[in-house]
Amino acid sequence: MNLITDVAGLRVGQAMDARVRSGVTVILPDDRAVCAVDVRGGGPGTRETDALSPETLVDAVDAVVLAGGSVYGLAAADGVTAWLGAQGRGYGMVTTTGAPRSPIVPSAILYDLANGGDKAWGLEPPYRALGIAAAEAAGRTFDLGTAGAGAGAMAGSLKGGVGSTSAITADGFTVGALVAVNSFGSVVAPGGRAFWAAPYEVDGEFGGVPLGPARVRPEDWGLAKRDPRPGANTTIACVATDAILSPAQARRLAVMAQDGLARAIRPVHAPYDGDVVFALSTGRRPLGEDAVFALTRLGAIAADCLARAVARGVYEARAWPGTAARSWRDLRAES
């Protein structure tokens, strides 16, 4: 399907509020999964990321949540946590009658508060409810573009969105990526419609426009946000594999996958950005005897998948009606 859910043992659910122009994406493993995180942006918004360090007690998670809404969006994980706990899922050292287990739900948020939607929610931001709705909607297929956590996103000065891709290695490992693109930097090269990620495209998945012999000056950022505000830009993502990984190996996968953002967005990891990449292992296939080389291959492929997912999310995005925002499809092809 060319989605992160091609990785065995994963489902994805999404929900959005069209009035608010925001939403939530939940990556839901069938069973608890090893997880790690790599944070590169200068203005991240996260929850439960400290618990993912290899030296900590928790060795697996129950879900990963990506959400719009800036700090308000962190409440989406509250909803997902409650939903999981009601099903008896979560971490527990001892069994106490009547006490729920403790679901581990790391999450990251992006800023979409200035996109023209109705944010006058007073004491009742919608994100907890959106988190529950997204978890309940989890399945193997899901919408790309203006959906879920990417509903209100902007990629530079173009409409951003949710993108996903996958790849299968020659020896049968599956790698996938999912991203909500809300970057300060541009995802297309100056003067045209070609994505920076064009060299990694598979089967015309984001339009088949070749990058060509691009020559770019150091400060020619193309369709980046011209007047950025601190905290208003973030690209949040999750990569996954069916390989059996330790928490330390999953952390290396997340670190290598971050390079996918650098291949697809210019500039990236700026002080304005809150770039975060999670890595999940569903633990279906051993790495084999040469585990170090196998992990190296998976990390390189994860970076490619993430670069492709960034472009695919913007390619599939549509601007909200009545707004001045342009989508990628609104750009004119170079003559």
Protein backbone atom coordinates (compact mmCIF):
# COMPACT_ATOMS: atom_id res chain seq x y z
CA MET A 1 0.00 0.00 0.00
CA ASN A 2 3.03 2.31 0.27
CA LEU A 3 2.01 3.19 3.84
CA ILE A 4 3.65 2.73 7.24
CA THR A 5 1.00 0.09 7.93
CA ASP A 6 2.79 -2.21 5.47
CA VAL A 7 4.95 -2.90 8.53
CA ALA A 8 3.34 -5.94 10.12
CA GLY A 9 1.67 -5.18 13.46
CA LEU A 10 0.80 -1.51 12.91
CA ARG A 11 -2.45 0.37 12.42
CA VAL A 12 -3.02 4.11 12.00
CA GLY A 13 -6.07 6.12 13.00
CA GLN A 14 -6.86 9.76 12.29
CA ALA A 15 -9.44 12.34 13.25
CA MET A 16 -9.84 16.03 12.46
CA ASP A 17 -12.13 18.92 13.24
CA ALA A 18 -12.84 20.91 10.06
CA ARG A 19 -14.13 23.89 12.03
CA VAL A 20 -10.94 24.09 14.08
CA ARG A 21 -8.75 23.07 11.09
CA SER A 22 -6.69 20.70 13.16
CA GLY A 23 -6.43 17.01 13.91
CA VAL A 24 -4.68 13.99 15.38
CA THR A 25 -2.87 10.93 14.02
CA VAL A 26 -2.31 7.80 16.13
CA ILE A 27 0.18 5.05 15.27
CA LEU A 28 -1.17 2.00 17.09
CA PRO A 29 0.84 -1.24 17.40
CA ASP A 30 -1.12 -4.47 17.71
CA ASP A 31 1.18 -5.34 20.63
CA ARG A 32 3.51 -3.21 22.74
CA ALA A 33 6.42 -2.08 20.55
CA VAL A 34 9.99 -0.94 21.18
CA CYS A 35 10.21 2.81 20.57
CA ALA A 36 12.87 5.52 20.48
CA VAL A 37 12.94 9.19 19.58
CA ASP A 38 15.31 11.75 18.08
CA VAL A 39 14.61 15.48 18.58
CA ARG A 40 16.38 17.98 16.33
CA GLY A 41 14.17 21.06 16.18
CA GLY A 42 14.80 24.09 18.35
CA GLY A 43 11.21 24.39 19.58
CA PRO A 44 9.82 20.89 20.21
CA GLY A 45 6.60 20.02 22.00
CA THR A 46 6.60 16.45 23.32
CA ARG A 47 5.28 14.07 25.97
CA GLU A 48 6.82 10.90 27.46
CA THR A 49 10.01 11.19 25.39
CA ASP A 50 12.31 10.91 28.43
CA ALA A 51 10.84 7.48 29.13
CA LEU A 52 12.22 6.26 25.79
CA SER A 53 15.89 6.50 26.77
CA PRO A 54 17.52 3.06 26.58
CA GLU A 55 18.53 3.16 30.26
CA THR A 56 15.00 3.75 31.57
CA LEU A 57 12.53 1.20 32.95
CA VAL A 58 10.00 1.25 30.11
CA ASP A 59 11.07 -0.93 27.20
CA ALA A 60 8.02 -0.61 24.91
CA VAL A 61 5.10 1.68 24.13
CA ASP A 62 1.39 1.25 23.44
CA ALA A 63 0.92 4.02 20.85
CA VAL A 64 2.54 7.10 19.34
CA VAL A 65 0.49 10.27 18.88
CA LEU A 66 1.12 13.13 16.46
CA ALA A 67 -1.18 16.13 16.81
CA GLY A 68 -1.86 19.68 15.76
CA GLY A 69 -2.87 22.31 18.28
CA SER A 70 0.52 23.27 19.70
CA VAL A 71 0.56 22.71 23.48
CA TYR A 72 -3.18 22.06 23.50
CA GLY A 73 -2.62 19.11 21.18
CA LEU A 74 -0.65 17.26 23.85
CA ALA A 75 -4.06 16.45 25.37
CA ALA A 76 -4.66 14.07 22.45
CA ALA A 77 -2.40 11.61 24.22
CA ASP A 78 -4.69 11.83 27.27
CA GLY A 79 -7.54 10.55 25.15
CA VAL A 80 -5.49 7.75 23.61
CA THR A 81 -4.16 6.77 27.04
CA ALA A 82 -7.67 6.57 28.48
CA TRP A 83 -8.86 4.54 25.47
CA LEU A 84 -6.00 2.06 25.81
CA GLY A 85 -6.39 1.79 29.57
CA ALA A 86 -10.09 1.01 29.23
CA GLN A 87 -9.06 -1.99 27.12
CA GLY A 88 -6.59 -3.23 29.70
CA ARG A 89 -3.57 -2.26 27.65
CA GLY A 90 -0.45 -0.69 29.11
CA TYR A 91 2.56 -1.17 31.34
CA GLY A 92 2.18 -2.74 34.77
CA MET A 93 4.71 -4.08 37.29
CA VAL A 94 2.12 -5.49 39.68
CA THR A 95 -1.53 -6.44 39.41
CA THR A 96 -3.85 -4.57 41.76
CA THR A 97 -7.57 -5.25 41.74
CA GLY A 98 -9.41 -2.36 40.13
CA ALA A 99 -6.27 -0.43 39.17
CA PRO A 100 -5.85 0.15 35.41
CA ARG A 101 -2.58 -0.50 33.64
CA SER A 102 -0.50 2.48 32.55
CA PRO A 103 -0.38 2.93 28.77
CA ILE A 104 2.84 4.49 27.51
CA VAL A 105 1.94 6.98 24.78
CA PRO A 106 4.77 9.27 23.64
CA SER A 107 3.60 12.15 21.49
CA ALA A 108 4.65 15.27 19.63
CA ILE A 109 2.72 18.32 18.47
CA LEU A 110 2.93 20.93 15.72
CA TYR A 111 1.73 24.54 15.64
CA ASP A 112 -1.38 25.17 13.53
CA LEU A 113 -3.13 27.80 15.67
CA ALA A 114 -2.82 30.61 13.10
CA ASN A 115 -4.47 28.87 10.14
CA GLY A 116 -7.85 30.64 10.37
CA GLY A 117 -9.79 27.89 12.11
CA ASP A 118 -12.02 28.50 15.11
CA LYS A 119 -9.76 28.21 18.15
CA ALA A 120 -12.20 29.80 20.63
CA TRP A 121 -12.53 26.57 22.61
CA GLY A 122 -12.27 28.10 26.07
CA LEU A 123 -11.77 25.37 28.67
CA GLU A 124 -12.57 22.54 26.25
CA PRO A 125 -9.92 22.12 23.54
CA PRO A 126 -10.98 19.31 21.18
CA TYR A 127 -7.80 17.23 21.26
CA ARG A 128 -8.66 14.67 23.94
CA ALA A 129 -11.80 13.77 22.03
CA LEU A 130 -9.91 13.77 18.74
CA GLY A 131 -7.34 11.39 20.24
CA ILE A 132 -10.07 8.93 21.23
CA ALA A 133 -11.72 9.22 17.82
CA ALA A 134 -8.41 8.63 16.05
CA ALA A 135 -7.65 5.53 18.15
CA GLU A 136 -11.10 4.12 17.47
CA ALA A 137 -10.60 4.68 13.72
CA ALA A 138 -7.27 2.83 13.55
CA GLY A 139 -6.87 0.54 10.56
CA ARG A 140 -4.48 -0.51 7.83
CA THR A 141 -5.49 2.28 5.44
CA PHE A 142 -5.76 6.00 6.13
CA ASP A 143 -5.98 9.33 4.31
CA LEU A 144 -2.98 11.39 3.25
CA GLY A 145 -2.65 15.15 2.78
CA THR A 146 -5.13 17.35 4.65
CA ALA A 147 -5.94 14.81 7.33
CA GLY A 148 -5.11 13.96 10.93
CA ALA A 149 -2.20 15.85 12.42
CA GLY A 150 -1.56 17.47 9.03
CA ALA A 151 -5.07 18.95 8.71
CA GLY A 152 -3.94 22.47 9.54
CA ALA A 153 -0.27 22.20 8.62
CA MET A 154 1.76 24.39 6.26
CA ALA A 155 4.96 23.28 4.52
CA GLY A 156 6.81 26.52 4.06
CA SER A 157 4.29 28.66 2.19
CA LEU A 158 2.47 25.65 0.71
CA LYS A 159 -0.27 23.57 2.32
CA GLY A 160 1.31 20.79 4.36
CA GLY A 161 -0.17 17.49 5.37
CA VAL A 162 0.25 13.86 6.34
CA GLY A 163 2.45 11.67 4.16
CA SER A 164 3.41 8.02 4.34
CA THR A 165 5.56 5.57 2.38
CA SER A 166 7.13 2.13 2.75
CA ALA A 167 9.87 -0.08 1.31
CA ILE A 168 10.77 -3.77 1.45
CA THR A 169 14.41 -4.86 1.45
CA ALA A 170 15.75 -7.63 -0.77
CA ASP A 171 15.87 -9.94 2.27
CA GLY A 172 12.31 -9.18 3.36
CA PHE A 173 12.45 -6.47 6.03
CA THR A 174 9.74 -3.82 5.82
CA VAL A 175 10.36 -0.17 6.64
CA GLY A 176 7.72 2.56 6.69
CA ALA A 177 7.40 6.25 7.49
CA LEU A 178 4.59 8.60 8.46
CA VAL A 179 5.00 12.36 8.78
CA ALA A 180 2.96 15.49 9.45
CA VAL A 181 4.71 18.27 7.51
CA ASN A 182 4.48 21.75 9.03
CA SER A 183 7.95 23.00 8.18
CA PHE A 184 9.50 26.46 8.15
CA GLY A 185 11.60 25.37 5.17
CA SER A 186 10.49 24.68 1.63
CA VAL A 187 9.84 21.19 0.29
CA VAL A 188 10.25 22.29 -3.34
CA ALA A 189 13.27 23.68 -5.18
CA PRO A 190 13.18 27.37 -6.15
CA GLY A 191 11.47 28.34 -9.37
CA GLY A 192 9.39 25.26 -10.03
CA ARG A 193 7.35 22.33 -8.72
CA ALA A 194 10.12 19.78 -8.19
CA PHE A 195 10.36 18.37 -4.69
CA TRP A 196 13.75 18.29 -3.00
CA ALA A 197 12.97 14.61 -2.39
CA ALA A 198 12.59 13.93 -6.15
CA PRO A 199 15.70 11.69 -6.40
CA TYR A 200 14.10 9.25 -3.95
CA GLU A 201 10.64 9.09 -5.57
CA VAL A 202 9.15 5.67 -6.33
CA ASP A 203 6.65 5.07 -9.14
CA GLY A 204 5.51 8.69 -9.46
CA GLU A 205 4.16 8.75 -5.90
CA PHE A 206 4.39 12.54 -5.68
CA GLY A 207 3.95 13.73 -9.23
CA GLY A 208 7.08 12.54 -11.04
CA VAL A 209 8.53 16.03 -11.51
CA PRO A 210 12.33 15.65 -11.88
CA LEU A 211 14.58 17.87 -9.79
CA GLY A 212 16.95 18.54 -12.69
CA PRO A 213 20.32 20.29 -12.37
CA ALA A 214 19.32 22.50 -9.46
CA ARG A 215 21.82 25.14 -8.42
CA VAL A 216 20.83 27.01 -5.28
CA ARG A 217 22.43 29.98 -3.58
CA PRO A 218 23.05 29.67 0.17
CA GLU A 219 20.09 31.88 1.11
CA ASP A 220 17.72 30.93 -1.70
CA TRP A 221 15.12 28.99 0.28
CA GLY A 222 12.38 29.07 -2.33
CA LEU A 223 8.92 28.67 -0.82
CA ALA A 224 9.99 28.73 2.83
CA LYS A 225 8.02 30.81 5.30
CA ARG A 226 9.24 34.35 4.80
CA ASP A 227 8.17 35.75 8.15
CA PRO A 228 8.50 32.87 10.60
CA ARG A 229 7.45 33.10 14.22
CA PRO A 230 9.05 31.04 16.98
CA GLY A 231 7.06 27.89 17.71
CA ALA A 232 5.05 28.05 14.48
CA ASN A 233 6.83 25.33 12.53
CA THR A 234 7.40 21.64 13.13
CA THR A 235 7.72 18.39 11.21
CA ILE A 236 6.80 15.39 13.35
CA ALA A 237 7.20 11.83 12.15
CA CYS A 238 7.41 8.14 12.94
CA VAL A 239 9.40 5.48 11.13
CA ALA A 240 8.84 1.78 11.75
CA THR A 241 10.21 -1.63 10.90
CA ASP A 242 9.30 -5.25 11.50
CA ALA A 243 12.90 -6.00 12.51
CA ILE A 244 13.55 -6.98 16.13
CA LEU A 245 15.38 -4.00 17.65
CA SER A 246 16.58 -3.13 21.12
CA PRO A 247 15.77 0.36 22.47
CA ALA A 248 19.34 1.45 21.61
CA GLN A 249 19.03 0.11 18.07
CA ALA A 250 15.68 1.83 17.66
CA ARG A 251 17.30 5.07 18.78
CA ARG A 252 19.94 4.70 16.04
CA LEU A 253 17.16 4.09 13.51
CA ALA A 254 15.48 7.36 14.57
CA VAL A 255 18.78 9.26 14.34
CA MET A 256 19.47 8.00 10.82
CA ALA A 257 15.88 8.61 9.72
CA GLN A 258 16.15 12.30 10.63
CA ASP A 259 18.36 12.71 7.57
CA GLY A 260 15.25 12.13 5.51
CA LEU A 261 13.98 15.50 6.67
CA ALA A 262 17.24 17.12 5.57
CA ARG A 263 16.84 15.55 2.12
CA ALA A 264 13.28 16.83 1.72
CA ILE A 265 13.12 20.25 3.45
CA ARG A 266 15.38 23.30 3.13
CA PRO A 267 16.23 24.63 5.67
CA VAL A 268 15.38 22.18 8.44
CA HIS A 269 16.03 21.70 12.18
CA ALA A 270 15.94 25.47 12.64
CA PRO A 271 15.36 27.27 15.95
CA TYR A 272 11.79 27.82 14.76
CA ASP A 273 11.17 24.11 14.13
CA GLY A 274 10.16 21.40 16.58
CA ASP A 275 11.28 18.46 14.45
CA VAL A 276 10.79 15.08 16.14
CA VAL A 277 11.16 11.55 14.72
CA PHE A 278 9.98 8.44 16.57
CA ALA A 279 11.12 4.94 15.61
CA LEU A 280 9.05 1.82 16.25
CA SER A 281 9.98 -1.86 16.09
CA THR A 282 7.16 -4.40 15.89
CA GLY A 283 9.68 -7.22 16.41
CA ARG A 284 8.71 -9.76 13.76
CA ARG A 285 12.10 -10.60 12.16
CA PRO A 286 15.59 -10.97 13.69
CA LEU A 287 18.34 -8.79 12.28
CA GLY A 288 20.56 -11.79 11.61
CA GLU A 289 24.23 -12.47 12.26
CA ASP A 290 25.54 -9.14 10.97
CA ALA A 291 23.15 -7.03 13.02
CA VAL A 292 25.21 -3.83 12.75
CA PHE A 293 25.18 -3.84 8.96
CA ALA A 294 21.50 -4.79 8.88
CA LEU A 295 20.64 -1.85 11.14
CA THR A 296 22.71 0.44 8.91
CA ARG A 297 20.69 -0.62 5.88
CA LEU A 298 17.40 -0.14 7.71
CA GLY A 299 18.42 3.34 8.86
CA ALA A 300 19.38 4.40 5.34
CA ILE A 301 16.08 3.11 3.95
CA ALA A 302 14.12 4.78 6.76
CA ALA A 303 15.69 8.12 5.82
CA ASP A 304 14.68 7.61 2.18
CA CYS A 305 11.14 6.64 3.21
CA LEU A 306 10.82 9.72 5.39
CA ALA A 307 12.03 12.03 2.60
CA ARG A 308 9.48 10.47 0.26
CA ALA A 309 6.74 10.76 2.88
CA VAL A 310 7.39 14.50 3.29
CA ALA A 311 6.91 15.10 -0.44
CA ARG A 312 3.92 12.77 -0.62
CA GLY A 313 2.18 14.56 2.24
CA VAL A 314 2.48 17.93 0.50
CA TYR A 315 1.60 16.44 -2.90
CA GLU A 316 -1.65 15.02 -1.50
CA ALA A 317 -2.59 18.12 0.54
CA ARG A 318 -5.44 20.42 -0.40
CA ALA A 319 -5.86 23.96 0.94
CA TRP A 320 -8.91 24.75 3.04
CA PRO A 321 -11.61 26.50 0.96
CA GLY A 322 -11.68 30.26 1.30
CA THR A 323 -8.06 30.57 2.45
CA ALA A 324 -5.13 32.24 0.70
CA ALA A 325 -2.91 29.19 1.17
CA ARG A 326 -1.72 27.41 -1.96
CA SER A 327 -1.31 23.70 -2.40
CA TRP A 328 1.45 22.10 -4.46
CA ARG A 329 -1.06 21.48 -7.25
CA ASP A 330 -1.67 25.22 -7.46
CA LEU A 331 1.90 25.83 -8.60
CA ARG A 332 2.41 26.37 -12.30
CA ALA A 333 4.71 24.02 -14.13
CA GLU A 334 7.88 25.63 -15.44
CA SER A 335 7.71 26.40 -19.14
